Amino acid sequence: MLFKLLVELVIGGLCGFAANRIMKGPSDNIVLNVVLGLVGGVVGGLIGNILGSKDTWITGIILSIVGSCIVVWLWRKFVK
């Protein structure tokens, strides 16, 4: 259980970092990248469910990065 949580945090952080790099933002706030990556993973999962995508780890990572890009864009639009 703890291992799965740590893996999800690392993957969420990596997806948040990737989305931040794709969106050309500063990468100095690691905690924000992890949080936006985790929220982006949820958004990506919702997008995958709506589109009816197959649940594989590659589609999960791609959808998490896409969802993270959406969340980063919304964060910049409404918070900053």
C-alpha atoms as a PDB file:
ATOM      1  CA  MET A   1       0.000   0.000   0.000  1.00  0.00           C
ATOM      2  CA  LEU A   2       2.748   2.459   0.941  1.00  0.00           C
ATOM      3  CA  PHE A   3       4.838   1.380  -2.054  1.00  0.00           C
ATOM      4  CA  LYS A   4       1.917   1.996  -4.431  1.00  0.00           C
ATOM      5  CA  LEU A   5       1.402   5.450  -2.946  1.00  0.00           C
ATOM      6  CA  LEU A   6       5.082   6.288  -3.390  1.00  0.00           C
ATOM      7  CA  VAL A   7       5.024   5.046  -6.998  1.00  0.00           C
ATOM      8  CA  GLU A   8       1.933   7.154  -7.746  1.00  0.00           C
ATOM      9  CA  LEU A   9       3.580  10.221  -6.209  1.00  0.00           C
ATOM     10  CA  VAL A  10       6.719   9.710  -8.298  1.00  0.00           C
ATOM     11  CA  ILE A  11       4.746   9.139 -11.500  1.00  0.00           C
ATOM     12  CA  GLY A  12       2.510  12.120 -10.726  1.00  0.00           C
ATOM     13  CA  GLY A  13       5.555  14.273 -10.116  1.00  0.00           C
ATOM     14  CA  LEU A  14       7.149  13.155 -13.362  1.00  0.00           C
ATOM     15  CA  CYS A  15       3.936  13.820 -15.292  1.00  0.00           C
ATOM     16  CA  GLY A  16       3.666  17.245 -13.655  1.00  0.00           C
ATOM     17  CA  PHE A  17       7.299  17.977 -14.491  1.00  0.00           C
ATOM     18  CA  ALA A  18       6.783  16.825 -18.093  1.00  0.00           C
ATOM     19  CA  ALA A  19       3.648  18.963 -18.426  1.00  0.00           C
ATOM     20  CA  ASN A  20       5.490  21.941 -16.972  1.00  0.00           C
ATOM     21  CA  ARG A  21       8.313  21.485 -19.492  1.00  0.00           C
ATOM     22  CA  ILE A  22       5.848  21.052 -22.373  1.00  0.00           C
ATOM     23  CA  MET A  23       4.036  24.214 -21.293  1.00  0.00           C
ATOM     24  CA  LYS A  24       7.435  25.985 -20.911  1.00  0.00           C
ATOM     25  CA  GLY A  25       7.087  26.953 -17.275  1.00  0.00           C
ATOM     26  CA  PRO A  26       9.600  27.312 -14.446  1.00  0.00           C
ATOM     27  CA  SER A  27      10.480  24.028 -12.753  1.00  0.00           C
ATOM     28  CA  ASP A  28      11.558  25.410  -9.397  1.00  0.00           C
ATOM     29  CA  ASN A  29       8.480  24.328  -7.405  1.00  0.00           C
ATOM     30  CA  ILE A  30       8.649  20.536  -7.138  1.00  0.00           C
ATOM     31  CA  VAL A  31       5.684  20.246  -4.746  1.00  0.00           C
ATOM     32  CA  LEU A  32       3.456  22.181  -7.142  1.00  0.00           C
ATOM     33  CA  ASN A  33       4.580  19.926 -10.006  1.00  0.00           C
ATOM     34  CA  VAL A  34       3.649  16.824  -7.983  1.00  0.00           C
ATOM     35  CA  VAL A  35       0.255  18.208  -7.004  1.00  0.00           C
ATOM     36  CA  LEU A  36      -0.575  19.372 -10.525  1.00  0.00           C
ATOM     37  CA  GLY A  37       0.655  16.039 -11.882  1.00  0.00           C
ATOM     38  CA  LEU A  38      -1.589  14.071  -9.512  1.00  0.00           C
ATOM     39  CA  VAL A  39      -4.595  16.241 -10.332  1.00  0.00           C
ATOM     40  CA  GLY A  40      -3.677  15.929 -14.004  1.00  0.00           C
ATOM     41  CA  GLY A  41      -3.645  12.156 -13.640  1.00  0.00           C
ATOM     42  CA  VAL A  42      -7.218  12.270 -12.387  1.00  0.00           C
ATOM     43  CA  VAL A  43      -8.216  14.580 -15.241  1.00  0.00           C
ATOM     44  CA  GLY A  44      -6.444  12.306 -17.718  1.00  0.00           C
ATOM     45  CA  GLY A  45      -8.262   9.287 -16.270  1.00  0.00           C
ATOM     46  CA  LEU A  46     -11.580  11.059 -16.721  1.00  0.00           C
ATOM     47  CA  ILE A  47     -10.681  11.908 -20.312  1.00  0.00           C
ATOM     48  CA  GLY A  48      -9.732   8.269 -20.904  1.00  0.00           C
ATOM     49  CA  ASN A  49     -13.038   7.067 -19.468  1.00  0.00           C
ATOM     50  CA  ILE A  50     -14.990   9.478 -21.649  1.00  0.00           C
ATOM     51  CA  LEU A  51     -13.079   8.423 -24.770  1.00  0.00           C
ATOM     52  CA  GLY A  52     -13.269   4.741 -23.828  1.00  0.00           C
ATOM     53  CA  SER A  53      -9.521   4.139 -24.014  1.00  0.00           C
ATOM     54  CA  LYS A  54      -7.993   0.840 -22.970  1.00  0.00           C
ATOM     55  CA  ASP A  55      -6.397   0.879 -19.534  1.00  0.00           C
ATOM     56  CA  THR A  56      -2.706   0.239 -20.168  1.00  0.00           C
ATOM     57  CA  TRP A  57       0.214   1.874 -18.427  1.00  0.00           C
ATOM     58  CA  ILE A  58       1.339   3.704 -21.586  1.00  0.00           C
ATOM     59  CA  THR A  59      -2.075   5.239 -22.229  1.00  0.00           C
ATOM     60  CA  GLY A  60      -2.279   6.059 -18.522  1.00  0.00           C
ATOM     61  CA  ILE A  61       0.989   7.985 -18.616  1.00  0.00           C
ATOM     62  CA  ILE A  62       0.093   9.769 -21.862  1.00  0.00           C
ATOM     63  CA  LEU A  63      -3.340  10.726 -20.548  1.00  0.00           C
ATOM     64  CA  SER A  64      -1.783  11.843 -17.251  1.00  0.00           C
ATOM     65  CA  ILE A  65       0.597  14.144 -19.106  1.00  0.00           C
ATOM     66  CA  VAL A  66      -2.256  15.511 -21.239  1.00  0.00           C
ATOM     67  CA  GLY A  67      -4.385  15.996 -18.128  1.00  0.00           C
ATOM     68  CA  SER A  68      -1.449  17.661 -16.371  1.00  0.00           C
ATOM     69  CA  CYS A  69      -1.015  20.053 -19.298  1.00  0.00           C
ATOM     70  CA  ILE A  70      -4.683  20.975 -18.993  1.00  0.00           C
ATOM     71  CA  VAL A  71      -4.355  21.499 -15.235  1.00  0.00           C
ATOM     72  CA  VAL A  72      -1.160  23.572 -15.654  1.00  0.00           C
ATOM     73  CA  TRP A  73      -2.918  25.728 -18.257  1.00  0.00           C
ATOM     74  CA  LEU A  74      -5.926  26.218 -15.959  1.00  0.00           C
ATOM     75  CA  TRP A  75      -3.618  26.954 -13.006  1.00  0.00           C
ATOM     76  CA  ARG A  76      -1.818  29.668 -14.968  1.00  0.00           C
ATOM     77  CA  LYS A  77      -5.056  31.099 -16.328  1.00  0.00           C
ATOM     78  CA  PHE A  78      -6.925  31.383 -13.023  1.00  0.00           C
ATOM     79  CA  VAL A  79      -4.282  31.529 -10.282  1.00  0.00           C
ATOM     80  CA  LYS A  80      -1.429  33.554 -11.686  1.00  0.00           C
END
